[in-house]
Amino acid sequence: FIYTVPLVTDWSPPEWREELVRDLTGQLPTYVLILHRDALPWMTGRRDDSATQLLSFPALTGILDERYEKESTIEDFTIWRLRQASQSER
């Protein structure tokens, strides 16, 4: 999933969110970008942006909180970078 639309609509099957979490935990990307001010109500039926929608996806927020750190914000993007594994995690 390269963007959130298929994950946040009323017609999106829950299995798609499960697939995303499974794929991410299998191979964590170095960066995750979260977009602000990108609401697409004509496509999603929602008026909230991706950053707000993330709050209703605890499995994904858990991955970000546990494995990533906020690196920076560039315009409307919050950039999360994968934390380096400690010696005990390797």
Protein backbone atom coordinates (compact mmCIF):
# COMPACT_ATOMS: atom_id res chain seq x y z
CA PHE A 1 0.00 0.00 0.00
CA ILE A 2 1.64 3.21 -1.12
CA TYR A 3 -1.12 5.44 0.20
CA THR A 4 -3.96 5.22 2.71
CA VAL A 5 -7.13 5.29 0.61
CA PRO A 6 -7.57 1.49 0.38
CA LEU A 7 -7.04 1.21 4.14
CA VAL A 8 -9.44 3.86 5.48
CA THR A 9 -12.68 3.68 3.52
CA ASP A 10 -15.89 2.02 4.71
CA TRP A 11 -15.50 -0.55 1.91
CA SER A 12 -11.94 -1.52 2.91
CA PRO A 13 -11.79 -5.08 4.26
CA PRO A 14 -10.01 -5.37 7.66
CA GLU A 15 -7.72 -7.98 6.11
CA TRP A 16 -5.97 -5.22 4.17
CA ARG A 17 -4.85 -3.53 7.39
CA GLU A 18 -3.72 -6.91 8.72
CA GLU A 19 -1.76 -7.47 5.48
CA LEU A 20 -0.04 -4.10 5.84
CA VAL A 21 1.00 -4.80 9.43
CA ARG A 22 2.22 -8.30 8.52
CA ASP A 23 4.25 -7.00 5.58
CA LEU A 24 5.75 -4.14 7.59
CA THR A 25 6.77 -6.33 10.50
CA GLY A 26 8.30 -8.82 8.06
CA GLN A 27 10.55 -6.21 6.49
CA LEU A 28 10.54 -2.81 8.16
CA PRO A 29 11.27 0.05 5.76
CA THR A 30 13.92 2.54 6.80
CA TYR A 31 11.49 5.45 6.48
CA VAL A 32 7.76 5.93 6.89
CA LEU A 33 6.18 9.21 5.80
CA ILE A 34 2.90 10.43 7.27
CA LEU A 35 1.10 13.17 5.38
CA HIS A 36 -0.88 16.01 6.95
CA ARG A 37 -3.61 18.06 5.26
CA ASP A 38 -4.32 15.41 2.61
CA ALA A 39 -8.01 14.71 3.25
CA LEU A 40 -9.77 13.20 0.22
CA PRO A 41 -13.46 13.11 1.20
CA TRP A 42 -14.61 12.44 -2.37
CA MET A 43 -12.53 9.23 -2.39
CA THR A 44 -12.61 8.06 1.21
CA GLY A 45 -15.82 9.52 2.60
CA ARG A 46 -13.71 11.02 5.40
CA ARG A 47 -12.69 14.60 6.08
CA ASP A 48 -9.69 13.81 8.30
CA ASP A 49 -6.13 13.63 7.03
CA SER A 50 -3.71 10.70 7.07
CA ALA A 51 -2.06 11.83 10.31
CA THR A 52 -5.44 11.86 12.07
CA GLN A 53 -6.51 8.56 10.49
CA LEU A 54 -3.34 6.96 11.83
CA LEU A 55 -4.68 7.46 15.36
CA SER A 56 -7.46 4.95 14.60
CA PHE A 57 -4.98 2.28 13.49
CA PRO A 58 -3.39 1.06 16.76
CA ALA A 59 -1.40 -1.76 15.16
CA LEU A 60 0.41 0.71 12.90
CA THR A 61 0.88 3.37 15.57
CA GLY A 62 2.34 0.63 17.77
CA ILE A 63 4.94 -0.23 15.14
CA LEU A 64 5.86 3.43 14.76
CA ASP A 65 6.11 3.99 18.51
CA GLU A 66 8.15 0.84 19.16
CA ARG A 67 10.47 0.71 16.15
CA TYR A 68 10.71 4.25 14.77
CA GLU A 69 11.54 7.76 15.86
CA LYS A 70 10.30 10.99 14.38
CA GLU A 71 13.20 12.35 12.41
CA SER A 72 11.85 15.56 10.92
CA THR A 73 8.97 17.35 9.31
CA ILE A 74 9.22 18.73 5.81
CA GLU A 75 6.20 20.75 4.74
CA ASP A 76 3.21 18.42 5.21
CA PHE A 77 5.24 15.25 5.80
CA THR A 78 6.31 13.82 9.15
CA ILE A 79 9.26 11.53 8.54
CA TRP A 80 9.77 8.53 10.81
CA ARG A 81 13.13 6.72 10.70
CA LEU A 82 13.72 3.13 11.78
CA ARG A 83 15.67 2.98 15.04
CA GLN A 84 18.97 1.18 15.02
CA ALA A 85 18.76 -2.20 16.74
CA SER A 86 20.53 -2.35 20.08
CA GLN A 87 23.06 -5.11 20.76
CA SER A 88 20.44 -7.09 22.70
CA GLU A 89 17.98 -6.96 19.76
CA ARG A 90 20.47 -8.30 17.20
